[in-house]
C-alpha atoms as a PDB file:
ATOM      1  CA  MET A   1      40.271 152.960 152.276  1.00  0.00           C
ATOM      2  CA  ILE A   2      37.930 150.928 151.700  1.00  0.00           C
ATOM      3  CA  PRO A   3      34.551 152.427 151.204  1.00  0.00           C
ATOM      4  CA  ALA A   4      32.066 151.847 153.733  1.00  0.00           C
ATOM      5  CA  ARG A   5      29.531 149.827 151.655  1.00  0.00           C
ATOM      6  CA  VAL A   6      31.620 147.318 150.555  1.00  0.00           C
ATOM      7  CA  GLN A   7      32.607 147.383 154.696  1.00  0.00           C
ATOM      8  CA  ASP A   8      29.523 146.652 154.972  1.00  0.00           C
ATOM      9  CA  ALA A   9      28.795 143.770 153.100  1.00  0.00           C
ATOM     10  CA  ALA A  10      31.820 142.158 153.865  1.00  0.00           C
ATOM     11  CA  LEU A  11      30.427 142.025 157.322  1.00  0.00           C
ATOM     12  CA  ARG A  12      26.345 140.400 155.906  1.00  0.00           C
ATOM     13  CA  LEU A  13      28.852 137.454 154.530  1.00  0.00           C
ATOM     14  CA  PRO A  14      27.381 134.223 155.160  1.00  0.00           C
ATOM     15  CA  SER A  15      30.539 132.371 155.522  1.00  0.00           C
ATOM     16  CA  ALA A  16      34.226 132.959 154.837  1.00  0.00           C
ATOM     17  CA  PRO A  17      36.601 132.901 152.535  1.00  0.00           C
ATOM     18  CA  ALA A  18      34.436 135.113 150.041  1.00  0.00           C
ATOM     19  CA  TYR A  19      35.649 137.353 147.041  1.00  0.00           C
ATOM     20  CA  LEU A  20      33.221 140.266 146.946  1.00  0.00           C
ATOM     21  CA  TYR A  21      33.346 142.521 143.625  1.00  0.00           C
ATOM     22  CA  ASP A  22      31.993 145.688 143.676  1.00  0.00           C
ATOM     23  CA  LEU A  23      30.051 146.047 140.593  1.00  0.00           C
ATOM     24  CA  PRO A  24      29.245 149.643 140.451  1.00  0.00           C
ATOM     25  CA  GLY A  25      32.689 150.562 142.499  1.00  0.00           C
ATOM     26  CA  LEU A  26      34.160 149.300 138.564  1.00  0.00           C
ATOM     27  CA  ASP A  27      31.568 151.000 136.626  1.00  0.00           C
ATOM     28  CA  GLU A  28      32.546 154.138 137.859  1.00  0.00           C
ATOM     29  CA  HIS A  29      36.558 153.604 137.798  1.00  0.00           C
ATOM     30  CA  VAL A  30      36.036 152.746 134.404  1.00  0.00           C
ATOM     31  CA  ALA A  31      34.016 155.261 133.196  1.00  0.00           C
ATOM     32  CA  SER A  32      36.009 157.509 134.343  1.00  0.00           C
ATOM     33  CA  VAL A  33      38.779 155.998 132.004  1.00  0.00           C
ATOM     34  CA  ARG A  34      36.918 155.546 128.530  1.00  0.00           C
ATOM     35  CA  ARG A  35      36.111 159.466 129.163  1.00  0.00           C
ATOM     36  CA  ALA A  36      39.872 160.450 130.386  1.00  0.00           C
ATOM     37  CA  LEU A  37      41.083 158.074 127.144  1.00  0.00           C
ATOM     38  CA  GLY A  38      38.889 160.009 124.546  1.00  0.00           C
ATOM     39  CA  ALA A  39      39.195 158.349 121.084  1.00  0.00           C
ATOM     40  CA  VAL A  40      42.203 156.650 121.800  1.00  0.00           C
ATOM     41  CA  GLU A  41      40.627 152.787 122.017  1.00  0.00           C
ATOM     42  CA  LEU A  42      40.587 150.894 124.907  1.00  0.00           C
ATOM     43  CA  TYR A  43      40.554 146.958 124.825  1.00  0.00           C
ATOM     44  CA  TYR A  44      40.571 144.686 128.644  1.00  0.00           C
ATOM     45  CA  ALA A  45      42.658 142.217 129.068  1.00  0.00           C
ATOM     46  CA  VAL A  46      40.784 139.355 130.401  1.00  0.00           C
ATOM     47  CA  LYS A  47      43.861 137.833 131.869  1.00  0.00           C
ATOM     48  CA  ALA A  48      43.304 139.998 134.827  1.00  0.00           C
ATOM     49  CA  ASN A  49      39.626 138.783 135.774  1.00  0.00           C
ATOM     50  CA  PRO A  50      37.720 136.478 133.289  1.00  0.00           C
ATOM     51  CA  ASP A  51      35.322 136.613 136.642  1.00  0.00           C
ATOM     52  CA  ALA A  52      31.651 137.366 133.826  1.00  0.00           C
ATOM     53  CA  GLU A  53      29.983 139.901 135.946  1.00  0.00           C
ATOM     54  CA  LEU A  54      32.764 141.979 136.178  1.00  0.00           C
ATOM     55  CA  LEU A  55      33.039 141.610 132.363  1.00  0.00           C
ATOM     56  CA  ARG A  56      29.735 142.177 132.228  1.00  0.00           C
ATOM     57  CA  VAL A  57      30.052 145.906 133.387  1.00  0.00           C
ATOM     58  CA  LEU A  58      33.588 146.443 131.316  1.00  0.00           C
ATOM     59  CA  ALA A  59      31.492 145.380 128.580  1.00  0.00           C
ATOM     60  CA  GLY A  60      30.035 149.144 128.804  1.00  0.00           C
ATOM     61  CA  HIS A  61      32.988 151.288 128.221  1.00  0.00           C
ATOM     62  CA  VAL A  62      35.808 149.360 126.624  1.00  0.00           C
ATOM     63  CA  ASP A  63      35.695 148.375 122.786  1.00  0.00           C
ATOM     64  CA  GLY A  64      36.873 145.114 122.646  1.00  0.00           C
ATOM     65  CA  PHE A  65      38.455 142.599 124.663  1.00  0.00           C
ATOM     66  CA  GLU A  66      42.576 140.695 124.394  1.00  0.00           C
ATOM     67  CA  VAL A  67      41.901 137.186 125.295  1.00  0.00           C
ATOM     68  CA  SER A  68      45.661 135.385 125.345  1.00  0.00           C
ATOM     69  CA  SER A  69      44.493 131.898 124.745  1.00  0.00           C
ATOM     70  CA  ARG A  70      41.310 129.747 123.278  1.00  0.00           C
ATOM     71  CA  GLY A  71      40.183 128.979 126.341  1.00  0.00           C
ATOM     72  CA  GLU A  72      39.707 132.379 127.512  1.00  0.00           C
ATOM     73  CA  HIS A  73      38.042 133.555 123.456  1.00  0.00           C
ATOM     74  CA  ALA A  74      35.455 130.587 123.979  1.00  0.00           C
ATOM     75  CA  HIS A  75      34.432 132.156 127.635  1.00  0.00           C
ATOM     76  CA  VAL A  76      34.242 136.040 125.263  1.00  0.00           C
ATOM     77  CA  THR A  77      33.079 135.455 122.700  1.00  0.00           C
ATOM     78  CA  ALA A  78      30.403 133.100 124.700  1.00  0.00           C
ATOM     79  CA  LEU A  79      29.375 136.374 126.169  1.00  0.00           C
ATOM     80  CA  PHE A  80      29.922 139.228 124.025  1.00  0.00           C
ATOM     81  CA  PRO A  81      29.135 137.095 120.369  1.00  0.00           C
ATOM     82  CA  ASP A  82      29.611 140.170 118.565  1.00  0.00           C
ATOM     83  CA  ARG A  83      32.536 142.518 120.363  1.00  0.00           C
ATOM     84  CA  PRO A  84      35.782 143.018 119.181  1.00  0.00           C
ATOM     85  CA  VAL A  85      38.312 140.281 120.255  1.00  0.00           C
ATOM     86  CA  ALA A  86      42.270 140.888 120.163  1.00  0.00           C
ATOM     87  CA  LEU A  87      44.550 136.980 120.072  1.00  0.00           C
ATOM     88  CA  GLY A  88      47.596 137.208 122.078  1.00  0.00           C
ATOM     89  CA  GLY A  89      49.617 135.902 123.879  1.00  0.00           C
ATOM     90  CA  PRO A  90      52.935 133.665 122.344  1.00  0.00           C
ATOM     91  CA  GLY A  91      53.178 129.997 121.952  1.00  0.00           C
ATOM     92  CA  LYS A  92      49.096 129.877 119.348  1.00  0.00           C
ATOM     93  CA  THR A  93      48.649 126.275 118.245  1.00  0.00           C
ATOM     94  CA  ASP A  94      46.750 126.171 115.154  1.00  0.00           C
ATOM     95  CA  ALA A  95      43.719 125.823 116.207  1.00  0.00           C
ATOM     96  CA  GLU A  96      44.030 129.062 118.257  1.00  0.00           C
ATOM     97  CA  LEU A  97      45.122 131.130 114.667  1.00  0.00           C
ATOM     98  CA  ARG A  98      42.349 129.195 113.444  1.00  0.00           C
ATOM     99  CA  LEU A  99      40.345 130.979 115.348  1.00  0.00           C
ATOM    100  CA  PRO A 100      38.054 134.191 114.484  1.00  0.00           C
ATOM    101  CA  HIS A 101      39.431 137.991 115.247  1.00  0.00           C
ATOM    102  CA  HIS A 102      39.107 141.340 114.983  1.00  0.00           C
ATOM    103  CA  ARG A 103      43.040 141.526 115.110  1.00  0.00           C
ATOM    104  CA  ILE A 104      46.138 139.164 115.636  1.00  0.00           C
ATOM    105  CA  HIS A 105      48.427 139.588 117.195  1.00  0.00           C
ATOM    106  CA  VAL A 106      51.554 138.383 116.253  1.00  0.00           C
ATOM    107  CA  GLU A 107      54.735 136.959 117.976  1.00  0.00           C
ATOM    108  CA  SER A 108      57.485 135.245 114.810  1.00  0.00           C
ATOM    109  CA  PRO A 109      58.279 135.053 111.578  1.00  0.00           C
ATOM    110  CA  ASN A 110      57.604 131.200 112.425  1.00  0.00           C
ATOM    111  CA  GLU A 111      53.499 131.842 113.282  1.00  0.00           C
ATOM    112  CA  LEU A 112      52.764 134.445 111.210  1.00  0.00           C
ATOM    113  CA  ARG A 113      53.796 131.437 108.272  1.00  0.00           C
ATOM    114  CA  ARG A 114      51.754 129.095 110.683  1.00  0.00           C
ATOM    115  CA  LEU A 115      48.767 131.771 110.418  1.00  0.00           C
ATOM    116  CA  ARG A 116      49.194 131.745 106.694  1.00  0.00           C
ATOM    117  CA  ALA A 117      49.443 127.827 106.773  1.00  0.00           C
ATOM    118  CA  THR A 118      45.498 128.242 107.731  1.00  0.00           C
ATOM    119  CA  GLY A 119      44.023 129.576 104.401  1.00  0.00           C
ATOM    120  CA  LEU A 120      41.974 131.706 106.236  1.00  0.00           C
ATOM    121  CA  GLU A 121      42.057 135.873 106.304  1.00  0.00           C
ATOM    122  CA  ALA A 122      43.762 138.086 108.806  1.00  0.00           C
ATOM    123  CA  ASP A 123      44.030 141.316 110.368  1.00  0.00           C
ATOM    124  CA  VAL A 124      47.669 141.474 112.108  1.00  0.00           C
ATOM    125  CA  LEU A 125      49.644 143.132 114.666  1.00  0.00           C
ATOM    126  CA  LEU A 126      53.244 142.378 114.847  1.00  0.00           C
ATOM    127  CA  ARG A 127      54.505 143.068 117.980  1.00  0.00           C
ATOM    128  CA  LEU A 128      57.718 144.455 118.900  1.00  0.00           C
ATOM    129  CA  ASN A 129      59.815 143.738 121.402  1.00  0.00           C
ATOM    130  CA  PRO A 130      62.729 146.856 120.744  1.00  0.00           C
ATOM    131  CA  ASP A 131      65.215 147.555 122.829  1.00  0.00           C
ATOM    132  CA  LEU A 132      64.217 150.413 124.998  1.00  0.00           C
ATOM    133  CA  PRO A 133      64.512 151.158 128.409  1.00  0.00           C
ATOM    134  CA  VAL A 134      61.503 150.875 130.877  1.00  0.00           C
ATOM    135  CA  ALA A 135      63.712 152.037 134.167  1.00  0.00           C
ATOM    136  CA  GLY A 136      60.665 151.493 137.141  1.00  0.00           C
ATOM    137  CA  ALA A 137      59.439 148.795 135.868  1.00  0.00           C
ATOM    138  CA  ALA A 138      57.585 146.362 137.547  1.00  0.00           C
ATOM    139  CA  LEU A 139      57.524 143.824 134.956  1.00  0.00           C
ATOM    140  CA  THR A 140      59.525 143.962 131.760  1.00  0.00           C
ATOM    141  CA  MET A 141      57.973 141.897 128.331  1.00  0.00           C
ATOM    142  CA  SER A 142      61.829 140.687 126.903  1.00  0.00           C
ATOM    143  CA  GLY A 143      63.033 137.438 125.634  1.00  0.00           C
ATOM    144  CA  PRO A 144      59.944 134.947 124.736  1.00  0.00           C
ATOM    145  CA  PHE A 145      57.719 138.142 124.096  1.00  0.00           C
ATOM    146  CA  GLY A 146      57.434 139.374 120.538  1.00  0.00           C
ATOM    147  CA  MET A 147      60.751 139.774 118.089  1.00  0.00           C
ATOM    148  CA  ASP A 148      63.042 142.492 117.413  1.00  0.00           C
ATOM    149  CA  GLU A 149      63.942 144.121 114.351  1.00  0.00           C
ATOM    150  CA  ALA A 150      65.428 141.591 112.320  1.00  0.00           C
ATOM    151  CA  GLY A 151      61.970 139.437 113.351  1.00  0.00           C
ATOM    152  CA  ALA A 152      60.061 142.548 112.150  1.00  0.00           C
ATOM    153  CA  ALA A 153      61.875 142.681 108.101  1.00  0.00           C
ATOM    154  CA  GLU A 154      61.573 138.718 107.947  1.00  0.00           C
ATOM    155  CA  CYS A 155      57.451 139.418 108.375  1.00  0.00           C
ATOM    156  CA  LEU A 156      57.511 141.326 105.775  1.00  0.00           C
ATOM    157  CA  PRO A 157      57.606 139.432 102.459  1.00  0.00           C
ATOM    158  CA  LEU A 158      55.004 137.289 104.574  1.00  0.00           C
ATOM    159  CA  PHE A 159      52.066 139.842 104.800  1.00  0.00           C
ATOM    160  CA  ASP A 160      49.717 139.816 100.979  1.00  0.00           C
ATOM    161  CA  GLU A 161      45.706 140.640 100.372  1.00  0.00           C
ATOM    162  CA  ARG A 162      44.312 137.843 102.217  1.00  0.00           C
ATOM    163  CA  VAL A 163      47.055 137.958 105.532  1.00  0.00           C
ATOM    164  CA  ARG A 164      47.249 142.033 105.993  1.00  0.00           C
ATOM    165  CA  LEU A 165      49.121 143.796 108.437  1.00  0.00           C
ATOM    166  CA  ARG A 166      47.533 146.577 109.978  1.00  0.00           C
ATOM    167  CA  GLY A 167      50.199 147.659 112.601  1.00  0.00           C
ATOM    168  CA  LEU A 168      52.310 147.558 115.608  1.00  0.00           C
ATOM    169  CA  HIS A 169      51.556 145.253 119.627  1.00  0.00           C
ATOM    170  CA  THR A 170      54.272 147.139 121.634  1.00  0.00           C
ATOM    171  CA  HIS A 171      53.478 145.501 125.197  1.00  0.00           C
ATOM    172  CA  LEU A 172      56.856 147.059 126.919  1.00  0.00           C
ATOM    173  CA  ALA A 173      56.603 147.072 130.814  1.00  0.00           C
ATOM    174  CA  SER A 174      54.787 146.763 133.268  1.00  0.00           C
ATOM    175  CA  GLY A 175      54.294 148.701 136.958  1.00  0.00           C
ATOM    176  CA  LEU A 176      54.593 152.696 134.726  1.00  0.00           C
ATOM    177  CA  ASP A 177      53.427 155.999 135.542  1.00  0.00           C
ATOM    178  CA  ALA A 178      51.824 158.013 133.410  1.00  0.00           C
ATOM    179  CA  GLY A 179      54.657 160.263 132.367  1.00  0.00           C
ATOM    180  CA  GLN A 180      56.939 156.820 131.301  1.00  0.00           C
ATOM    181  CA  LEU A 181      54.446 155.015 129.431  1.00  0.00           C
ATOM    182  CA  LEU A 182      53.545 158.178 127.380  1.00  0.00           C
ATOM    183  CA  GLY A 183      57.472 158.679 126.795  1.00  0.00           C
ATOM    184  CA  LEU A 184      58.069 154.929 125.467  1.00  0.00           C
ATOM    185  CA  ALA A 185      54.999 155.494 122.992  1.00  0.00           C
ATOM    186  CA  ARG A 186      56.498 158.891 122.171  1.00  0.00           C
ATOM    187  CA  THR A 187      59.840 156.616 120.531  1.00  0.00           C
ATOM    188  CA  LEU A 188      56.975 153.967 119.734  1.00  0.00           C
ATOM    189  CA  LEU A 189      54.994 156.478 117.285  1.00  0.00           C
ATOM    190  CA  ASP A 190      57.604 157.500 115.198  1.00  0.00           C
ATOM    191  CA  ASN A 191      57.409 154.042 113.413  1.00  0.00           C
ATOM    192  CA  GLY A 192      54.548 155.683 110.995  1.00  0.00           C
ATOM    193  CA  HIS A 193      51.913 152.595 111.434  1.00  0.00           C
ATOM    194  CA  GLU A 194      49.036 153.745 111.291  1.00  0.00           C
ATOM    195  CA  GLU A 195      47.635 151.414 113.518  1.00  0.00           C
ATOM    196  CA  VAL A 196      49.535 150.679 117.173  1.00  0.00           C
ATOM    197  CA  ASN A 197      48.504 149.248 120.242  1.00  0.00           C
ATOM    198  CA  LEU A 198      50.469 150.293 123.283  1.00  0.00           C
ATOM    199  CA  GLY A 199      49.377 146.764 125.629  1.00  0.00           C
ATOM    200  CA  GLY A 200      48.895 148.180 128.971  1.00  0.00           C
ATOM    201  CA  GLY A 201      52.074 148.743 131.422  1.00  0.00           C
ATOM    202  CA  MET A 202      49.922 151.148 134.100  1.00  0.00           C
ATOM    203  CA  ALA A 203      50.904 150.982 136.939  1.00  0.00           C
ATOM    204  CA  VAL A 204      48.859 149.454 140.457  1.00  0.00           C
ATOM    205  CA  SER A 205      50.697 150.517 143.952  1.00  0.00           C
ATOM    206  CA  TYR A 206      49.730 147.707 146.178  1.00  0.00           C
ATOM    207  CA  ALA A 207      51.870 149.926 148.679  1.00  0.00           C
ATOM    208  CA  GLU A 208      49.281 152.677 147.991  1.00  0.00           C
ATOM    209  CA  PRO A 209      46.122 151.582 146.823  1.00  0.00           C
ATOM    210  CA  GLU A 210      45.165 154.961 147.301  1.00  0.00           C
ATOM    211  CA  ALA A 211      47.729 157.006 144.548  1.00  0.00           C
ATOM    212  CA  ARG A 212      46.172 156.003 141.130  1.00  0.00           C
ATOM    213  CA  PHE A 213      47.222 155.879 137.463  1.00  0.00           C
ATOM    214  CA  ASP A 214      46.592 159.186 136.033  1.00  0.00           C
ATOM    215  CA  TRP A 215      44.451 158.979 133.261  1.00  0.00           C
ATOM    216  CA  THR A 216      44.115 162.368 132.647  1.00  0.00           C
ATOM    217  CA  ALA A 217      47.333 162.669 131.630  1.00  0.00           C
ATOM    218  CA  TYR A 218      47.961 159.774 129.672  1.00  0.00           C
ATOM    219  CA  GLY A 219      44.923 160.421 127.377  1.00  0.00           C
ATOM    220  CA  SER A 220      45.768 163.948 126.897  1.00  0.00           C
ATOM    221  CA  GLY A 221      49.729 162.599 125.892  1.00  0.00           C
ATOM    222  CA  LEU A 222      48.412 160.073 123.990  1.00  0.00           C
ATOM    223  CA  GLU A 223      45.646 162.906 122.170  1.00  0.00           C
ATOM    224  CA  ALA A 224      48.937 164.591 121.311  1.00  0.00           C
ATOM    225  CA  LEU A 225      50.761 161.938 120.124  1.00  0.00           C
ATOM    226  CA  ARG A 226      47.501 160.219 118.164  1.00  0.00           C
ATOM    227  CA  ARG A 227      47.467 162.816 114.564  1.00  0.00           C
ATOM    228  CA  GLY A 228      45.257 160.475 113.257  1.00  0.00           C
ATOM    229  CA  ARG A 229      46.455 157.028 113.658  1.00  0.00           C
ATOM    230  CA  THR A 230      44.362 154.232 115.198  1.00  0.00           C
ATOM    231  CA  LEU A 231      46.108 154.269 118.809  1.00  0.00           C
ATOM    232  CA  ARG A 232      44.287 151.407 120.915  1.00  0.00           C
ATOM    233  CA  VAL A 233      45.913 150.243 125.002  1.00  0.00           C
ATOM    234  CA  GLU A 234      44.773 146.783 126.650  1.00  0.00           C
ATOM    235  CA  PRO A 235      45.069 147.526 130.364  1.00  0.00           C
ATOM    236  CA  GLY A 236      44.103 144.537 133.161  1.00  0.00           C
ATOM    237  CA  ARG A 237      44.789 144.763 136.593  1.00  0.00           C
ATOM    238  CA  ALA A 238      44.323 149.336 135.984  1.00  0.00           C
ATOM    239  CA  LEU A 239      40.745 148.621 135.610  1.00  0.00           C
ATOM    240  CA  THR A 240      39.487 145.324 137.287  1.00  0.00           C
ATOM    241  CA  ALA A 241      42.562 145.680 140.354  1.00  0.00           C
ATOM    242  CA  TYR A 242      40.393 148.279 142.397  1.00  0.00           C
ATOM    243  CA  CYS A 243      36.585 146.567 141.918  1.00  0.00           C
ATOM    244  CA  GLY A 244      38.002 143.134 144.323  1.00  0.00           C
ATOM    245  CA  TYR A 245      37.930 142.811 147.911  1.00  0.00           C
ATOM    246  CA  TYR A 246      38.786 139.399 149.464  1.00  0.00           C
ATOM    247  CA  VAL A 247      38.028 138.672 152.825  1.00  0.00           C
ATOM    248  CA  THR A 248      38.004 135.705 155.737  1.00  0.00           C
ATOM    249  CA  THR A 249      38.074 134.847 159.212  1.00  0.00           C
ATOM    250  CA  VAL A 250      41.294 135.079 161.613  1.00  0.00           C
ATOM    251  CA  VAL A 251      40.781 131.518 163.171  1.00  0.00           C
ATOM    252  CA  ASP A 252      44.094 131.933 165.458  1.00  0.00           C
ATOM    253  CA  VAL A 253      46.213 134.120 166.770  1.00  0.00           C
ATOM    254  CA  LYS A 254      49.783 133.549 168.431  1.00  0.00           C
ATOM    255  CA  ARG A 255      52.756 134.248 169.269  1.00  0.00           C
ATOM    256  CA  VAL A 256      56.615 132.461 167.970  1.00  0.00           C
ATOM    257  CA  ARG A 257      59.334 134.035 168.927  1.00  0.00           C
ATOM    258  CA  GLY A 258      58.356 136.899 169.900  1.00  0.00           C
ATOM    259  CA  GLU A 259      57.092 137.491 166.384  1.00  0.00           C
ATOM    260  CA  ALA A 260      52.869 137.892 166.677  1.00  0.00           C
ATOM    261  CA  TYR A 261      50.963 135.606 163.769  1.00  0.00           C
ATOM    262  CA  ALA A 262      47.376 135.423 162.486  1.00  0.00           C
ATOM    263  CA  ILE A 263      46.291 132.389 161.143  1.00  0.00           C
ATOM    264  CA  LEU A 264      43.657 133.611 158.558  1.00  0.00           C
ATOM    265  CA  LEU A 265      40.777 131.025 156.891  1.00  0.00           C
ATOM    266  CA  GLY A 266      42.028 130.626 153.012  1.00  0.00           C
ATOM    267  CA  GLY A 267      45.737 131.542 151.711  1.00  0.00           C
ATOM    268  CA  THR A 268      47.429 132.317 149.098  1.00  0.00           C
ATOM    269  CA  HIS A 269      46.158 129.739 146.713  1.00  0.00           C
ATOM    270  CA  HIS A 270      42.714 131.645 146.814  1.00  0.00           C
ATOM    271  CA  LEU A 271      44.434 134.932 146.568  1.00  0.00           C
ATOM    272  CA  ARG A 272      48.116 134.631 144.793  1.00  0.00           C
ATOM    273  CA  THR A 273      49.111 138.814 144.435  1.00  0.00           C
ATOM    274  CA  PRO A 274      51.077 138.858 147.572  1.00  0.00           C
ATOM    275  CA  ALA A 275      53.512 135.865 147.277  1.00  0.00           C
ATOM    276  CA  THR A 276      54.321 136.393 143.265  1.00  0.00           C
ATOM    277  CA  LYS A 277      54.698 140.318 143.833  1.00  0.00           C
ATOM    278  CA  GLY A 278      55.918 140.479 146.853  1.00  0.00           C
ATOM    279  CA  HIS A 279      54.431 142.960 148.494  1.00  0.00           C
ATOM    280  CA  ASP A 280      51.903 142.956 151.645  1.00  0.00           C
ATOM    281  CA  GLN A 281      48.724 142.695 150.466  1.00  0.00           C
ATOM    282  CA  PRO A 282      46.245 146.053 151.964  1.00  0.00           C
ATOM    283  CA  CYS A 283      43.430 145.339 154.513  1.00  0.00           C
ATOM    284  CA  VAL A 284      40.956 146.266 157.518  1.00  0.00           C
ATOM    285  CA  VAL A 285      41.053 143.853 160.455  1.00  0.00           C
ATOM    286  CA  LEU A 286      36.996 144.464 161.512  1.00  0.00           C
ATOM    287  CA  PRO A 287      36.458 143.844 165.007  1.00  0.00           C
ATOM    288  CA  THR A 288      33.856 140.823 165.322  1.00  0.00           C
ATOM    289  CA  GLY A 289      35.195 138.920 167.284  1.00  0.00           C
ATOM    290  CA  GLY A 290      37.193 139.386 170.312  1.00  0.00           C
ATOM    291  CA  GLY A 291      38.703 135.835 171.444  1.00  0.00           C
ATOM    292  CA  GLN A 292      42.602 135.788 172.279  1.00  0.00           C
ATOM    293  CA  GLY A 293      44.901 138.209 169.862  1.00  0.00           C
ATOM    294  CA  VAL A 294      47.428 141.503 170.104  1.00  0.00           C
ATOM    295  CA  GLU A 295      46.728 145.069 170.306  1.00  0.00           C
ATOM    296  CA  ASP A 296      47.741 147.956 168.091  1.00  0.00           C
ATOM    297  CA  GLU A 297      51.326 146.004 167.498  1.00  0.00           C
ATOM    298  CA  PRO A 298      53.197 144.565 164.676  1.00  0.00           C
ATOM    299  CA  ILE A 299      51.237 141.226 163.325  1.00  0.00           C
ATOM    300  CA  THR A 300      52.025 138.560 159.991  1.00  0.00           C
ATOM    301  CA  LEU A 301      49.094 137.609 158.737  1.00  0.00           C
ATOM    302  CA  VAL A 302      49.461 133.978 156.520  1.00  0.00           C
ATOM    303  CA  GLY A 303      46.618 131.671 155.583  1.00  0.00           C
ATOM    304  CA  GLN A 304      45.807 127.649 156.394  1.00  0.00           C
ATOM    305  CA  LEU A 305      48.731 125.794 153.698  1.00  0.00           C
ATOM    306  CA  CYS A 306      51.390 124.230 154.585  1.00  0.00           C
ATOM    307  CA  THR A 307      53.995 126.189 153.255  1.00  0.00           C
ATOM    308  CA  PRO A 308      56.025 129.352 154.721  1.00  0.00           C
ATOM    309  CA  LYS A 309      55.489 131.719 151.581  1.00  0.00           C
ATOM    310  CA  ASP A 310      51.961 131.489 152.431  1.00  0.00           C
ATOM    311  CA  VAL A 311      51.614 134.704 153.879  1.00  0.00           C
ATOM    312  CA  PHE A 312      49.481 138.261 152.551  1.00  0.00           C
ATOM    313  CA  SER A 313      50.980 140.645 154.447  1.00  0.00           C
ATOM    314  CA  ARG A 314      53.693 141.443 157.252  1.00  0.00           C
ATOM    315  CA  LYS A 315      54.156 142.991 159.714  1.00  0.00           C
ATOM    316  CA  ILE A 316      51.835 145.663 159.866  1.00  0.00           C
ATOM    317  CA  VAL A 317      51.408 146.928 162.418  1.00  0.00           C
ATOM    318  CA  THR A 318      46.694 146.768 163.346  1.00  0.00           C
ATOM    319  CA  SER A 319      44.391 144.794 167.002  1.00  0.00           C
ATOM    320  CA  ALA A 320      43.621 141.823 165.425  1.00  0.00           C
ATOM    321  CA  HIS A 321      41.732 138.555 167.490  1.00  0.00           C
ATOM    322  CA  ILE A 322      40.793 135.074 166.587  1.00  0.00           C
ATOM    323  CA  GLY A 323      37.142 135.854 164.831  1.00  0.00           C
ATOM    324  CA  ASP A 324      38.273 139.059 163.500  1.00  0.00           C
ATOM    325  CA  THR A 325      36.946 139.897 159.773  1.00  0.00           C
ATOM    326  CA  VAL A 326      39.791 140.570 157.597  1.00  0.00           C
ATOM    327  CA  VAL A 327      39.098 142.310 153.958  1.00  0.00           C
ATOM    328  CA  PHE A 328      41.709 142.215 151.882  1.00  0.00           C
ATOM    329  CA  GLU A 329      42.245 145.155 149.047  1.00  0.00           C
ATOM    330  CA  MET A 330      43.037 145.222 145.429  1.00  0.00           C
ATOM    331  CA  ALA A 331      42.056 141.661 144.932  1.00  0.00           C
ATOM    332  CA  GLY A 332      40.362 142.116 141.728  1.00  0.00           C
ATOM    333  CA  ALA A 333      43.171 141.116 139.728  1.00  0.00           C
ATOM    334  CA  TYR A 334      45.215 138.363 139.057  1.00  0.00           C
ATOM    335  CA  ALA A 335      44.578 137.159 142.492  1.00  0.00           C
ATOM    336  CA  TRP A 336      41.478 134.342 142.330  1.00  0.00           C
ATOM    337  CA  ASN A 337      42.524 133.385 138.357  1.00  0.00           C
ATOM    338  CA  ILE A 338      45.929 132.736 138.996  1.00  0.00           C
ATOM    339  CA  SER A 339      46.175 130.710 142.769  1.00  0.00           C
ATOM    340  CA  HIS A 340      46.592 127.334 142.735  1.00  0.00           C
ATOM    341  CA  HIS A 341      43.559 125.980 143.720  1.00  0.00           C
ATOM    342  CA  ASP A 342      43.748 122.476 144.428  1.00  0.00           C
ATOM    343  CA  PHE A 343      46.713 122.565 146.506  1.00  0.00           C
ATOM    344  CA  LEU A 344      46.081 121.496 149.894  1.00  0.00           C
ATOM    345  CA  MET A 345      42.435 120.436 148.553  1.00  0.00           C
ATOM    346  CA  HIS A 346      41.144 123.297 151.220  1.00  0.00           C
ATOM    347  CA  PRO A 347      37.190 124.660 150.223  1.00  0.00           C
ATOM    348  CA  ASN A 348      37.280 127.548 147.503  1.00  0.00           C
ATOM    349  CA  PRO A 349      35.754 130.716 148.542  1.00  0.00           C
ATOM    350  CA  ALA A 350      32.196 132.234 147.720  1.00  0.00           C
ATOM    351  CA  PHE A 351      32.265 134.290 144.976  1.00  0.00           C
ATOM    352  CA  HIS A 352      29.710 137.987 145.727  1.00  0.00           C
ATOM    353  CA  TYR A 353      28.375 140.734 143.729  1.00  0.00           C
ATOM    354  CA  LEU A 354      28.195 144.287 145.079  1.00  0.00           C
ATOM    355  CA  ARG A 355      25.283 145.862 142.834  1.00  0.00           C
ATOM    356  CA  SER A 356      25.012 149.050 144.780  1.00  0.00           C
END
């Protein structure tokens, strides 16, 4: 259910399409996550959404930020020059290997050799890609991500007093519930390392927006496994998805071979999430129009792009009329920042922030 304050703010926006970020909602959510995790360190994966206003809210609760490129590093360190930064991602350039960091997540023996060749000091977590079952995962981080046991063994002789092994990084999959992630953690924490980054991967349900990841159970479970070690998690989507809304307007309603379609301003070049994940983006249609439309029947919501893939939601039962306002929820992560903005060169959306 979209909060009434968000719906009211959406109706007051001067134009659409637009993104609307609920900063108090984000603050409340991340504060509850921080409390649930206790002594477990919390980093935010900036790739999920690097919006500066969101990062400022997150900075009040997280222990640091995880970045995966030179651009993300520059963005975060300009905003928070004194906050810990973990540098991850496959295919790091020599310039990226030279970036200052709290931890660097090394993906391969060759990357470690190139890191050593910089002559700089570094605190390293080896990113493992162990052969563990991850049934039910929305996405598994296999193949080029991290290394197997043989790769890790090849790395061990390369450490010294300058390039130091601090522990392991073990993000294996996305879309898992607390019980599944704790099951993986139990196996991964048998390695004896004193510092382990368990990554993100917390389930976010677009089909059931009210079904949130059980942070309390996860935090309690990790505390039982911690045993004095440094444990770290670095969620992205699960922290910011719920604070973002994409607001747009119905520009046309029509039937094609008996099926109803609402054409909306904007499209998946602004909000790529449903096309990428193949789901129906949850939304509410606010009756601000009154033009031609349909009443309480299945209708497919599409954008303005010249492709049949430009679909937000398929055959949802609602009323929709020309001029109505549509508010898509769960648009705070992997939404604007992963979208193909320049396709057809439509105007970019505006960005607004609900602050109270």
